[in-house]
Protein backbone atom coordinates (compact mmCIF):
# COMPACT_ATOMS: atom_id res chain seq x y z
CA MET A 1 75.63 91.71 -4.52
CA SER A 2 73.74 92.18 -7.79
CA ILE A 3 70.71 94.39 -8.32
CA GLU A 4 68.52 91.28 -8.52
CA GLN A 5 69.83 90.04 -5.18
CA LEU A 6 69.32 93.48 -3.67
CA ASP A 7 65.72 93.50 -4.88
CA ALA A 8 65.09 90.15 -3.19
CA VAL A 9 66.73 91.30 0.05
CA LEU A 10 64.67 94.50 0.13
CA LEU A 11 61.46 92.58 -0.57
CA THR A 12 62.18 90.07 2.19
CA GLY A 13 63.31 92.75 4.63
CA ALA A 14 60.20 94.88 4.08
CA ALA A 15 57.93 91.87 4.52
CA VAL A 16 59.69 90.89 7.75
CA LEU A 17 59.37 94.44 9.08
CA LEU A 18 55.66 94.57 8.32
CA VAL A 19 55.09 91.22 10.03
CA ALA A 20 57.14 92.45 13.01
CA VAL A 21 55.10 95.65 13.24
CA ALA A 22 51.89 93.61 13.18
CA ALA A 23 53.41 91.43 15.92
CA VAL A 24 53.55 94.47 18.19
CA ARG A 25 49.76 94.67 18.01
CA VAL A 26 49.58 90.97 18.93
CA SER A 27 52.04 91.59 21.76
CA VAL A 28 49.94 94.40 23.23
CA GLY A 29 46.72 92.43 22.92
CA THR A 30 48.03 89.20 24.46
CA GLY A 31 50.62 90.53 26.89
CA THR A 32 53.38 88.52 25.19
CA PRO A 33 56.71 90.40 25.13
CA SER A 34 57.40 91.42 21.53
CA LEU A 35 60.99 90.16 21.68
CA LEU A 36 59.67 86.58 21.87
CA LEU A 37 57.62 87.10 18.71
CA TYR A 38 60.67 88.48 16.90
CA LEU A 39 62.83 85.54 18.00
CA ALA A 40 60.09 83.18 16.79
CA LEU A 41 59.99 85.04 13.48
CA GLY A 42 63.74 84.56 13.10
CA LEU A 43 63.43 80.86 13.86
CA GLY A 44 60.66 80.58 11.28
CA LEU A 45 62.90 82.12 8.65
CA GLY A 46 65.83 79.80 9.49
CA ASP A 47 66.45 76.09 9.18
CA ALA A 48 63.37 75.22 11.23
CA GLY A 49 61.07 77.06 8.81
CA LEU A 50 61.76 78.58 5.42
CA GLY A 51 65.29 77.21 5.42
CA ILE A 52 67.28 80.44 5.02
CA PRO A 53 70.85 79.45 5.97
CA PHE A 54 72.66 81.75 8.41
CA THR A 55 75.61 80.81 10.64
CA ASP A 56 77.73 83.97 10.53
CA TYR A 57 78.70 84.70 14.16
CA GLU A 58 80.99 87.55 13.18
CA LEU A 59 78.29 89.41 11.24
CA THR A 60 75.82 88.78 14.08
CA THR A 61 78.25 90.26 16.62
CA VAL A 62 78.89 93.34 14.47
CA LEU A 63 75.22 93.97 13.72
CA GLY A 64 74.37 93.19 17.34
CA TYR A 65 76.74 95.92 18.54
CA CYS A 66 75.19 98.38 16.07
CA ALA A 67 71.69 97.52 17.27
CA LEU A 68 72.67 97.85 20.93
CA VAL A 69 74.10 101.32 20.24
CA LEU A 70 70.74 102.41 18.79
CA ILE A 71 68.76 100.73 21.59
CA LEU A 72 70.86 102.46 24.26
CA THR A 73 70.52 105.74 22.37
CA GLU A 74 66.73 105.43 22.43
CA GLY A 75 66.78 104.40 26.08
CA GLY A 76 68.91 107.37 27.14
CA LEU A 77 66.99 109.92 25.08
CA THR A 78 63.60 108.81 26.39
CA THR A 79 64.60 108.38 30.06
CA ARG A 80 63.62 111.40 32.12
CA TRP A 81 66.25 112.60 34.57
CA PRO A 82 63.73 113.19 37.41
CA THR A 83 62.81 109.50 37.17
CA ILE A 84 66.36 108.23 37.75
CA ARG A 85 68.08 111.12 39.56
CA ALA A 86 67.47 109.68 43.02
CA VAL A 87 68.50 106.14 42.00
CA ILE A 88 71.67 106.77 40.01
CA ALA A 89 73.91 105.57 42.86
CA PRO A 90 72.08 102.28 43.58
CA ALA A 91 71.69 101.64 39.83
CA ALA A 92 75.43 102.13 39.28
CA VAL A 93 76.27 99.78 42.16
CA LEU A 94 73.74 97.20 40.91
CA ALA A 95 75.21 97.43 37.39
CA THR A 96 78.79 96.87 38.62
CA VAL A 97 78.90 95.14 42.00
CA GLY A 98 75.63 93.36 41.25
CA THR A 99 76.95 92.14 37.90
CA ALA A 100 80.13 90.83 39.56
CA VAL A 101 78.11 88.99 42.24
CA SER A 102 75.87 87.46 39.57
CA VAL A 103 78.86 86.32 37.50
CA VAL A 104 80.55 84.66 40.48
CA VAL A 105 77.40 82.93 41.77
CA VAL A 106 76.31 81.63 38.35
CA GLY A 107 79.88 80.61 37.53
CA TYR A 108 80.49 78.56 40.66
CA LEU A 109 77.06 76.93 40.71
CA ALA A 110 77.24 76.09 36.98
CA HIS A 111 80.70 74.60 37.61
CA TRP A 112 79.27 72.47 40.44
CA LEU A 113 75.91 71.52 38.89
CA LEU A 114 76.90 71.08 35.22
CA GLY A 115 80.51 69.97 35.63
CA LEU A 116 81.88 72.77 33.44
CA PRO A 117 85.50 73.93 33.81
CA LEU A 118 85.51 76.79 36.30
CA LEU A 119 86.66 79.53 33.93
CA THR A 120 84.21 78.38 31.25
CA ALA A 121 81.42 78.44 33.83
CA VAL A 122 82.42 81.96 34.92
CA LEU A 123 82.35 83.02 31.26
CA LEU A 124 78.82 81.64 31.03
CA GLY A 125 77.93 83.68 34.12
CA ALA A 126 79.32 86.82 32.49
CA VAL A 127 77.33 86.19 29.31
CA VAL A 128 73.98 85.99 31.13
CA SER A 129 74.75 88.57 33.85
CA SER A 130 73.50 91.67 32.03
CA THR A 131 69.87 92.72 32.10
CA ASP A 132 68.71 93.78 28.67
CA ALA A 133 67.90 97.40 27.83
CA ALA A 134 65.51 96.49 25.01
CA ALA A 135 63.56 94.06 27.18
CA VAL A 136 63.49 96.34 30.21
CA PHE A 137 62.48 99.48 28.29
CA SER A 138 59.75 97.71 26.31
CA VAL A 139 58.25 95.85 29.28
CA LEU A 140 58.62 98.29 32.16
CA ARG A 141 57.10 101.25 30.34
CA LYS A 142 53.85 99.26 30.10
CA VAL A 143 53.85 98.21 33.77
CA ALA A 144 52.46 100.46 36.48
CA LEU A 145 55.43 100.56 38.87
CA PRO A 146 56.64 103.37 41.12
CA LYS A 147 58.88 105.75 39.19
CA ARG A 148 61.76 105.03 41.55
CA LEU A 149 61.80 101.31 40.74
CA THR A 150 61.23 101.82 37.02
CA GLY A 151 64.07 104.34 36.97
CA LEU A 152 66.39 102.02 38.87
CA LEU A 153 65.78 99.07 36.54
CA GLU A 154 66.07 101.24 33.43
CA ALA A 155 69.29 102.88 34.62
CA GLU A 156 70.75 99.50 35.58
CA SER A 157 69.98 98.05 32.15
CA GLY A 158 71.61 101.08 30.52
CA PHE A 159 74.72 100.84 32.69
CA ASN A 160 75.37 97.11 32.99
CA ASP A 161 75.90 96.28 29.32
CA ALA A 162 79.32 97.90 29.56
CA PRO A 163 80.81 95.84 32.43
CA ALA A 164 79.28 92.65 31.01
CA VAL A 165 80.89 93.24 27.60
CA ILE A 166 84.25 94.00 29.22
CA LEU A 167 84.10 90.81 31.31
CA VAL A 168 83.05 88.57 28.41
CA ILE A 169 85.80 89.88 26.13
CA ALA A 170 88.46 89.57 28.85
CA LEU A 171 87.41 86.02 29.79
CA THR A 172 87.16 84.99 26.13
CA GLU A 173 90.68 86.25 25.46
CA SER A 174 91.94 84.41 28.54
CA LEU A 175 90.37 81.12 27.44
CA ALA A 176 91.31 81.49 23.76
CA GLY A 177 94.90 82.54 24.50
CA GLY A 178 95.49 80.33 27.51
CA VAL A 179 96.68 83.31 29.57
CA GLN A 180 94.72 84.14 32.70
CA ALA A 181 95.11 87.71 33.92
CA PRO A 182 94.88 88.37 37.68
CA VAL A 183 91.44 89.35 38.94
CA TRP A 184 92.70 92.69 40.27
CA GLN A 185 94.08 93.55 36.83
CA LEU A 186 90.75 92.79 35.14
CA ALA A 187 88.95 94.88 37.75
CA ALA A 188 91.34 97.81 37.28
CA VAL A 189 91.02 97.73 33.49
CA ALA A 190 87.22 97.50 33.69
CA ALA A 191 87.01 100.39 36.16
CA GLY A 192 89.25 102.56 33.97
CA GLU A 193 87.23 101.81 30.83
CA LEU A 194 83.93 102.50 32.57
CA ALA A 195 85.12 105.77 34.14
CA GLY A 196 86.67 107.00 30.91
CA GLY A 197 83.63 106.06 28.82
CA ALA A 198 81.30 107.74 31.31
CA ALA A 199 83.32 110.97 31.27
CA LEU A 200 83.46 111.03 27.47
CA GLY A 201 79.73 110.32 27.14
CA VAL A 202 78.75 113.12 29.52
CA ALA A 203 81.12 115.54 27.75
CA VAL A 204 79.75 114.71 24.28
CA GLY A 205 76.17 115.06 25.53
CA TRP A 206 76.79 118.38 27.27
CA LEU A 207 78.76 119.94 24.40
CA GLY A 208 76.32 118.58 21.83
CA ALA A 209 73.32 120.04 23.64
CA ARG A 210 74.97 123.45 23.86
CA GLY A 211 75.84 123.32 20.18
CA LEU A 212 72.35 122.36 19.06
CA ARG A 213 70.79 125.14 21.11
CA SER A 214 73.09 127.74 19.61
CA VAL A 215 72.72 126.67 15.97
CA ALA A 216 69.33 127.22 14.35
CA LEU A 217 69.12 124.39 11.81
CA PRO A 218 66.96 125.10 8.73
CA SER A 219 64.76 122.02 9.20
CA ALA A 220 63.25 120.38 12.28
CA GLY A 221 64.07 116.99 10.75
CA LEU A 222 67.79 117.67 11.08
CA TYR A 223 67.72 117.78 14.89
CA PRO A 224 66.96 114.05 15.40
CA ILE A 225 69.71 113.16 12.92
CA ALA A 226 72.22 115.39 14.69
CA VAL A 227 71.32 114.01 18.13
CA THR A 228 71.62 110.41 16.93
CA ALA A 229 74.96 111.19 15.30
CA LEU A 230 76.24 112.69 18.56
CA CYS A 231 75.31 109.53 20.45
CA VAL A 232 77.00 107.28 17.89
CA LEU A 233 79.99 109.65 17.98
CA ALA A 234 80.26 109.08 21.74
CA TYR A 235 80.30 105.32 21.22
CA GLY A 236 82.82 105.41 18.37
CA GLY A 237 85.11 107.87 20.13
CA ALA A 238 85.14 105.84 23.33
CA ALA A 239 85.76 102.57 21.46
CA GLN A 240 88.69 104.07 19.56
CA LEU A 241 90.20 105.21 22.85
CA HIS A 242 89.72 101.70 24.31
CA LEU A 243 87.08 102.98 26.72
CA SER A 244 83.57 101.66 27.24
CA GLY A 245 81.53 102.73 24.23
CA PHE A 246 78.26 101.39 25.66
CA ILE A 247 78.38 103.49 28.81
CA ALA A 248 79.45 106.48 26.69
CA VAL A 249 76.52 106.24 24.27
CA TYR A 250 73.95 105.75 27.04
CA LEU A 251 75.17 108.71 29.11
CA ALA A 252 75.52 110.95 26.05
CA ALA A 253 71.91 110.14 25.12
CA LEU A 254 70.76 110.65 28.72
CA VAL A 255 72.35 114.10 28.88
CA LEU A 256 71.01 115.10 25.46
CA GLY A 257 67.54 113.79 26.19
CA ASN A 258 67.31 115.85 29.37
CA SER A 259 68.75 119.06 27.94
CA ARG A 260 66.77 121.97 26.54
CA LEU A 261 66.86 120.56 23.04
CA PRO A 262 64.87 122.12 20.20
CA HIS A 263 62.08 119.88 18.92
CA ARG A 264 62.61 117.37 21.72
CA ALA A 265 59.42 115.44 20.94
CA SER A 266 60.56 114.90 17.34
CA VAL A 267 63.95 113.75 18.57
CA GLY A 268 62.28 111.28 20.92
CA SER A 269 59.96 109.93 18.24
CA PHE A 270 62.84 109.47 15.79
CA ALA A 271 64.93 107.68 18.44
CA GLU A 272 61.97 105.47 19.36
CA GLY A 273 61.57 104.47 15.71
CA LEU A 274 65.27 103.62 15.43
CA GLY A 275 65.03 101.67 18.66
CA TRP A 276 62.14 99.58 17.33
CA LEU A 277 63.99 98.97 14.07
CA ALA A 278 67.11 97.88 15.96
CA GLN A 279 65.12 95.56 18.24
CA ILE A 280 63.26 93.94 15.36
CA GLY A 281 66.38 93.44 13.29
CA LEU A 282 68.44 92.15 16.21
CA PHE A 283 65.93 89.65 17.59
CA VAL A 284 65.03 88.33 14.14
CA LEU A 285 68.73 87.95 13.34
CA LEU A 286 69.39 86.10 16.60
CA GLY A 287 66.46 83.78 15.98
CA LEU A 288 67.81 83.12 12.49
CA LEU A 289 71.26 82.30 13.92
CA VAL A 290 70.02 79.60 16.31
CA ASP A 291 70.67 76.01 15.19
CA PRO A 292 67.48 74.01 15.92
CA THR A 293 69.45 70.74 15.98
CA LEU A 294 71.30 71.91 19.09
CA LEU A 295 68.23 73.03 21.05
CA ASP A 296 67.50 69.61 22.60
CA ASP A 297 70.95 69.41 24.18
CA ALA A 298 70.65 73.03 25.36
CA VAL A 299 67.45 72.54 27.40
CA LEU A 300 69.02 71.21 30.62
CA PRO A 301 71.89 73.75 30.84
CA ALA A 302 69.52 76.61 29.98
CA LEU A 303 67.02 75.64 32.69
CA VAL A 304 69.70 75.04 35.33
CA VAL A 305 71.53 78.31 34.66
CA GLY A 306 68.25 80.22 34.34
CA LEU A 307 66.96 78.94 37.69
CA VAL A 308 70.27 79.71 39.38
CA LEU A 309 70.20 83.19 37.87
CA LEU A 310 66.58 83.93 38.76
CA LEU A 311 66.34 82.37 42.21
CA VAL A 312 69.88 82.74 43.59
CA ALA A 313 72.25 85.01 41.68
CA ARG A 314 69.89 87.88 40.90
CA PRO A 315 68.43 88.13 44.44
CA LEU A 316 71.93 87.99 45.98
CA SER A 317 73.19 90.67 43.60
CA VAL A 318 70.23 92.91 44.50
CA VAL A 319 70.72 92.40 48.24
CA ALA A 320 74.47 93.03 47.99
CA SER A 321 73.97 96.19 45.93
CA VAL A 322 70.92 98.11 47.16
CA THR A 323 70.58 97.17 50.83
CA TRP A 324 73.05 99.95 51.63
CA PHE A 325 70.61 102.45 50.12
CA ARG A 326 67.81 101.35 52.47
CA VAL A 327 65.67 99.91 49.68
CA PRO A 328 62.76 98.07 51.37
CA LEU A 329 62.65 94.27 51.14
CA ARG A 330 59.48 94.18 49.02
CA GLU A 331 61.12 96.50 46.48
CA GLN A 332 64.18 94.26 46.45
CA VAL A 333 61.89 91.32 45.62
CA LEU A 334 60.49 93.21 42.64
CA LEU A 335 63.98 94.29 41.52
CA SER A 336 65.07 90.67 41.63
CA TRP A 337 62.14 89.51 39.51
CA GLY A 338 62.41 92.49 37.14
CA GLY A 339 65.94 91.70 35.94
CA LEU A 340 64.89 90.76 32.41
CA ARG A 341 67.25 89.17 29.88
CA GLY A 342 67.01 89.64 26.14
CA ALA A 343 69.24 90.35 23.17
CA VAL A 344 72.40 91.33 25.08
CA PRO A 345 73.18 87.87 26.51
CA ILE A 346 72.60 86.23 23.11
CA VAL A 347 74.89 88.76 21.40
CA LEU A 348 77.52 88.23 24.10
CA ALA A 349 77.26 84.46 23.57
CA THR A 350 78.45 84.93 19.97
CA ILE A 351 81.79 86.37 21.17
CA PRO A 352 83.26 83.14 22.62
CA ALA A 353 81.56 81.14 19.86
CA LEU A 354 83.30 83.33 17.26
CA SER A 355 86.66 82.90 19.01
CA GLY A 356 86.29 79.12 19.09
CA VAL A 357 86.56 78.91 22.87
CA GLU A 358 86.42 75.33 24.11
CA GLY A 359 82.96 74.51 25.44
CA SER A 360 81.26 77.36 23.53
CA GLN A 361 79.50 75.07 21.05
CA GLY A 362 75.78 75.35 21.68
CA LEU A 363 76.26 78.38 23.96
CA VAL A 364 74.11 80.59 21.72
CA GLU A 365 71.32 78.01 21.80
CA GLN A 366 71.55 77.67 25.60
CA VAL A 367 71.30 81.41 26.13
CA PHE A 368 68.52 81.65 23.53
CA LEU A 369 66.41 79.10 25.41
CA LEU A 370 67.19 80.77 28.74
CA VAL A 371 65.99 84.13 27.42
CA VAL A 372 62.81 82.69 25.91
CA VAL A 373 61.77 80.55 28.88
CA PHE A 374 62.48 83.08 31.60
CA THR A 375 61.06 86.05 29.69
CA VAL A 376 57.81 84.06 29.44
CA VAL A 377 57.99 83.45 33.20
CA GLN A 378 59.05 86.91 34.38
CA ALA A 379 57.54 89.55 32.09
CA PRO A 380 53.83 88.58 32.21
CA THR A 381 53.91 87.99 35.98
CA LEU A 382 55.61 91.28 36.86
CA PRO A 383 52.36 93.31 37.13
CA ALA A 384 50.76 90.65 39.36
CA LEU A 385 53.83 90.58 41.61
CA ALA A 386 53.78 94.39 41.85
CA ARG A 387 50.12 94.29 42.92
CA ALA A 388 50.81 91.53 45.45
CA LEU A 389 53.62 93.64 46.93
CA HIS A 390 51.39 96.76 46.84
CA LEU A 391 53.84 98.52 44.54
CA ASP A 392 51.59 99.19 41.54
CA VAL A 393 50.65 102.76 40.63
CA ASP A 394 48.56 104.62 38.06
CA LEU A 395 50.37 104.64 34.71
CA ALA A 396 48.15 107.22 32.97
CA ARG A 397 50.08 109.76 30.94
CA THR A 398 49.37 113.33 31.89
CA LEU A 399 51.39 116.18 30.43
CA ASP A 400 53.55 116.23 27.30
CA VAL A 401 55.76 119.26 26.69
CA ASP A 402 57.75 119.93 23.51
CA VAL A 403 60.07 122.91 23.01
CA ALA A 404 61.05 124.79 19.85
CA PRO A 405 63.26 127.91 19.66
CA LEU A 406 62.15 131.25 18.22
CA GLY A 407 65.64 132.08 17.01
CA ALA A 408 66.56 135.75 17.19
CA LEU A 409 63.69 136.56 19.58
CA ASP A 410 65.53 134.76 22.43
CA ALA A 411 62.35 132.94 23.34
CA ASP A 412 60.92 129.42 23.16
CA VAL A 413 57.55 127.97 22.21
CA LEU A 414 56.30 125.21 24.52
CA GLN A 415 53.74 122.90 22.97
CA VAL A 416 51.77 121.38 25.86
CA HIS A 417 49.30 118.50 25.56
CA VAL A 418 46.83 118.12 28.44
CA GLY A 419 46.58 114.35 28.82
CA PRO A 420 43.65 112.31 30.17
CA GLY A 421 45.02 112.26 33.72
CA SER A 422 46.23 115.84 33.90
CA ARG A 423 45.05 118.08 36.73
CA LEU A 424 45.23 121.10 34.42
CA HIS A 425 41.71 120.06 33.44
CA GLY A 426 39.20 122.52 34.86
CA LEU A 427 41.72 125.26 35.63
CA ALA A 428 41.49 128.74 34.15
CA VAL A 429 44.56 130.10 32.41
CA PHE A 430 45.22 132.63 35.18
CA GLU A 431 45.37 129.77 37.71
CA LEU A 432 48.48 128.41 36.02
CA ARG A 433 50.44 131.29 37.59
CA LEU A 434 53.17 131.15 34.97
CA PRO A 435 56.29 133.23 35.65
CA GLU A 436 56.50 136.72 34.20
CA GLY A 437 57.69 136.47 30.61
CA ALA A 438 55.62 133.36 29.84
CA ASP A 439 52.05 133.29 28.57
CA VAL A 440 49.53 130.92 26.98
CA THR A 441 49.04 132.32 23.49
CA LEU A 442 46.88 129.67 21.80
CA VAL A 443 44.60 126.77 22.75
CA VAL A 444 43.69 124.09 20.19
CA ARG A 445 40.56 122.14 21.16
CA ASP A 446 38.77 119.59 18.97
CA GLY A 447 40.54 120.91 15.89
CA THR A 448 39.57 124.52 16.60
CA SER A 449 42.05 127.23 17.61
CA LEU A 450 41.21 129.97 20.08
CA VAL A 451 43.17 132.81 21.63
CA PRO A 452 42.62 132.40 25.38
CA ASP A 453 41.91 135.08 27.90
CA PRO A 454 42.85 134.68 31.59
CA ARG A 455 39.49 133.06 32.37
CA THR A 456 39.59 130.44 29.62
CA VAL A 457 39.12 127.01 31.23
CA LEU A 458 41.40 124.19 30.08
CA ARG A 459 40.12 120.71 29.21
CA HIS A 460 41.52 117.20 28.72
CA GLY A 461 42.86 116.84 25.19
CA ASP A 462 43.72 120.54 24.79
CA ASP A 463 46.95 121.52 23.09
CA LEU A 464 48.48 124.76 24.36
CA LEU A 465 51.14 127.01 22.88
CA VAL A 466 53.08 128.78 25.60
CA VAL A 467 55.59 131.45 24.56
CA ALA A 468 58.33 131.99 27.15
CA LEU A 469 61.46 134.09 27.23
CA ALA A 470 64.53 131.86 27.26
CA ALA A 471 65.42 133.05 30.76
CA VAL A 472 62.15 131.75 32.25
CA ARG A 473 61.51 128.75 30.01
CA ARG A 474 62.67 126.20 32.58
CA ALA A 475 60.65 127.86 35.34
CA ALA A 476 57.56 127.85 33.11
CA GLU A 477 57.96 124.15 32.32
CA ARG A 478 58.51 123.30 35.99
CA ARG A 479 55.41 125.27 36.90
CA LEU A 480 53.30 123.48 34.28
CA ARG A 481 54.44 120.08 35.49
CA ALA A 482 53.79 121.04 39.13
CA VAL A 483 50.22 122.15 38.33
CA ASP A 484 49.77 119.03 36.22
CA GLU A 485 50.51 116.89 39.30
CA GLY A 486 49.06 119.06 42.07
CA GLY A 487 46.29 121.09 40.45
CA ARG A 488 45.34 124.29 42.22
CA LEU A 489 47.19 123.19 45.35
CA ALA A 490 50.47 123.33 43.46
CA GLN A 491 50.59 127.06 44.16
CA TRP A 492 51.20 126.24 47.84
CA ARG A 493 54.16 123.93 47.20
CA PRO A 494 57.36 125.35 48.69
CA SER A 495 59.45 124.03 45.80
CA GLU A 496 57.66 126.37 43.46
CA GLY A 497 58.58 129.48 45.40
CA ARG A 498 56.20 132.34 46.20
CA GLU A 499 53.29 132.53 43.78
CA PRO A 500 51.40 135.66 42.87
CA THR A 501 48.07 136.08 44.60
CA GLY A 502 44.96 138.06 43.99
CA ALA A 503 42.11 138.07 41.54
CA PRO A 504 42.54 137.26 37.88
CA PRO A 505 43.12 140.11 35.49
CA ALA A 506 40.02 141.68 34.06
CA GLY A 507 38.76 140.39 30.79
């Protein structure tokens, strides 16, 4: 590539990014999922619009994998452990058993309804079986759902990319090579890859968190880079060992994101930016790849498979996976409707297309139409369904806490923002009842700093600096979050232990 060509690519890329960023504003204002706008942008750049030619399935697959690594990194780093802790088991079953049920149901019904060869139909089921992390994270975090359901859907979307990729690759190799491995062998290989990838991801996350806490880097900007590198390291290491890199990167990010990381808010913001960049690039690229001349022939298969997936396969996979965990029927209905598809199925569709599997022509276009049509159907109606099922909750953000180390002093600084829904509003500092060794040292209100005394009353919008010894930092953060949710009554919660009583200190 010459310098002149590079200049043109940079100009075009920057323009596309700016349009995509503006599209987010349109998405928020109209309720349209942003992924649809990015796909439309890609179509507009391709043969149907400006005429930019692009048919490179191999490059799309490679860049798609890179984007998914970054999207899963962002998802893991920004997912709070308390949100998903209670639903890890049902999410894991839904991501594995549920995926298998979905593949089988879609495969057999597509074989019967569309007349596809059985193994080809099962491959199609595997391609569309995975819910999409980018779609789920971007949509669900704007919908007022109970934390349990949001956590379950987010965890499932983080987990189920791995088994879907394993199945698609195995089935593609079987069809391309003409050798069909026994089902038990595929299941054993998949289980081994998932278990090994999970163990490696947790190990990288745990060791990385310990290392970052013990090394005082000279710049706060280095922490996000180091955390992202650790997550990519987990993926690359697992892939080189023939383990599941996708489960490894998600779990490494999940462990890191829920560890006592320095400058955690900066890490989260950096990861969120990378996630947006990956989503924009991936969806635009996939829209660019689609051949408009094949879309007409793809309409019927896309609608048939999409309806089977939405109305039969997804509900059956939910029932088979979470009934054992006593999930109520109305929550199962919402889980069934909330299984959003996005970039992952389209990326997976490029794998058999790249290998030249018989019957894969037009597969990318079929999956593209399926994603577009059923995202339009599912995403905007999810809030209304939640309200109809009486499962909607208040989504107002309350308390944000960031942590930075004080190095040799063996203490941490907690930066606390009192959000619009926080019950810290109206409390005096002494009513926080922070553990011994932690104290509010500064309050910033309306751009003015003040050193609080015990009777200083907190207000919405305040930013607090809390200095805590390392030994009590976790207890101080737990206490702040408890008061944020329970207000003054939080001091009576048994989970908080015995609180000090008596009058506030003089002053």
